[in-house]
Amino acid sequence: MENQNINLVIEDSVYQTLPTNAYKKALKWKKQESNKITAIIPGTIVEIFVKEEQTVNEGDPMLVIEAMKMNNKINFTHRGIVDKIYVKTGDVVAKDQILVSLR
């Protein structure tokens, strides 16, 4: 990626820049396993809306994570049956920690 320009297109204008060292060292996004749902942010589990063996649909609420004094409701991204819940209310979770698995 050395000396590789990055082109940004905003409306009708094209802007060209070089990647910074921080950009080059940043971890690249990886698609997670569809049956394991992980925390997208670190925080505290405030509320859990589901139980094990419950059938869920895309868009159904899963849980609420409080981070930086803001509640973030996390919804399911696809249909499945809750296999295991790895957290409980009050748990402090790290980014990418497994919260729920589906089958």
Protein backbone atom coordinates (compact mmCIF):
# COMPACT_ATOMS: atom_id res chain seq x y z
CA MET A 1 0.00 0.00 0.00
CA GLU A 2 3.06 2.23 0.03
CA ASN A 3 2.63 5.42 -2.04
CA GLN A 4 -0.85 4.35 -3.00
CA ASN A 5 -3.23 7.29 -3.31
CA ILE A 6 -6.70 7.26 -1.84
CA ASN A 7 -9.36 9.00 -3.91
CA LEU A 8 -12.35 10.56 -2.17
CA VAL A 9 -15.30 11.61 -4.30
CA ILE A 10 -17.61 14.16 -2.72
CA GLU A 11 -20.39 15.37 -4.97
CA ASP A 12 -18.58 16.44 -8.17
CA SER A 13 -15.11 16.88 -6.66
CA VAL A 14 -12.33 14.30 -6.42
CA TYR A 15 -9.81 14.66 -3.59
CA GLN A 16 -6.59 12.68 -3.48
CA THR A 17 -4.60 11.84 -0.34
CA LEU A 18 -1.98 9.39 0.89
CA PRO A 19 -2.66 6.89 3.67
CA THR A 20 -1.13 7.80 7.04
CA ASN A 21 0.95 5.35 9.08
CA ALA A 22 -1.98 4.98 11.50
CA TYR A 23 -4.24 4.06 8.58
CA LYS A 24 -1.75 1.49 7.34
CA LYS A 25 -1.45 -0.11 10.81
CA ALA A 26 -5.19 -0.14 11.56
CA LEU A 27 -6.85 -3.53 11.79
CA LYS A 28 -9.01 -4.22 8.79
CA TRP A 29 -12.67 -5.02 9.29
CA LYS A 30 -13.48 -8.73 9.23
CA LYS A 31 -16.93 -10.14 8.75
CA GLN A 32 -17.87 -11.98 11.91
CA GLU A 33 -19.28 -15.47 12.01
CA SER A 34 -22.99 -15.09 11.40
CA ASN A 35 -23.91 -17.32 14.32
CA LYS A 36 -21.81 -15.42 16.90
CA ILE A 37 -22.80 -11.86 17.69
CA THR A 38 -20.08 -9.73 19.28
CA ALA A 39 -20.00 -6.33 20.96
CA ILE A 40 -19.32 -3.53 18.51
CA ILE A 41 -18.34 -1.22 21.39
CA PRO A 42 -17.07 -1.73 24.95
CA GLY A 43 -19.60 -1.00 27.68
CA THR A 44 -21.97 -2.34 30.33
CA ILE A 45 -24.91 -4.63 29.60
CA VAL A 46 -28.02 -2.77 30.78
CA GLU A 47 -30.84 -5.00 29.55
CA ILE A 48 -31.22 -8.31 27.71
CA PHE A 49 -34.41 -8.84 25.67
CA VAL A 50 -34.05 -12.53 24.75
CA LYS A 51 -33.77 -15.95 26.35
CA GLU A 52 -31.98 -19.10 25.22
CA GLU A 53 -34.01 -21.24 22.78
CA GLN A 54 -36.03 -18.19 21.69
CA THR A 55 -36.65 -17.72 17.95
CA VAL A 56 -35.61 -14.26 16.75
CA ASN A 57 -36.05 -12.37 13.50
CA GLU A 58 -33.93 -9.75 11.76
CA GLY A 59 -34.49 -6.41 13.53
CA ASP A 60 -35.62 -7.91 16.86
CA PRO A 61 -33.97 -6.23 19.88
CA MET A 62 -31.20 -8.30 21.49
CA LEU A 63 -29.79 -6.16 24.31
CA VAL A 64 -28.73 -2.69 25.42
CA ILE A 65 -25.08 -1.73 26.00
CA GLU A 66 -24.35 1.48 27.92
CA ALA A 67 -21.21 3.20 26.72
CA MET A 68 -20.11 6.74 27.59
CA LYS A 69 -23.45 7.36 29.35
CA MET A 70 -25.43 6.48 26.21
CA ASN A 71 -27.65 3.43 25.82
CA ASN A 72 -27.11 1.56 22.55
CA LYS A 73 -29.81 -0.91 21.56
CA ILE A 74 -28.38 -3.82 19.57
CA ASN A 75 -30.73 -5.65 17.19
CA PHE A 76 -30.39 -9.02 15.49
CA THR A 77 -29.17 -8.81 11.89
CA HIS A 78 -30.71 -12.12 10.83
CA ARG A 79 -33.18 -14.83 11.86
CA GLY A 80 -32.25 -17.73 14.12
CA ILE A 81 -32.71 -19.48 17.45
CA VAL A 82 -30.76 -18.17 20.45
CA ASP A 83 -28.32 -20.97 21.33
CA LYS A 84 -26.40 -19.32 24.18
CA ILE A 85 -26.28 -15.96 25.93
CA TYR A 86 -22.73 -15.27 27.14
CA VAL A 87 -23.47 -12.14 29.22
CA LYS A 88 -25.81 -11.01 31.95
CA THR A 89 -27.14 -7.62 33.04
CA GLY A 90 -24.37 -5.62 34.70
CA ASP A 91 -21.49 -7.33 32.88
CA VAL A 92 -18.78 -5.08 31.47
CA VAL A 93 -17.92 -6.22 27.94
CA ALA A 94 -14.98 -5.49 25.66
CA LYS A 95 -15.21 -4.71 21.98
CA ASP A 96 -15.54 -7.93 19.94
CA GLN A 97 -16.55 -10.01 23.00
CA ILE A 98 -19.13 -12.68 22.14
CA LEU A 99 -22.59 -11.70 23.45
CA VAL A 100 -24.99 -14.23 21.91
CA SER A 101 -24.75 -17.22 19.60
CA LEU A 102 -27.48 -18.40 17.25
CA ARG A 103 -28.18 -21.70 15.57
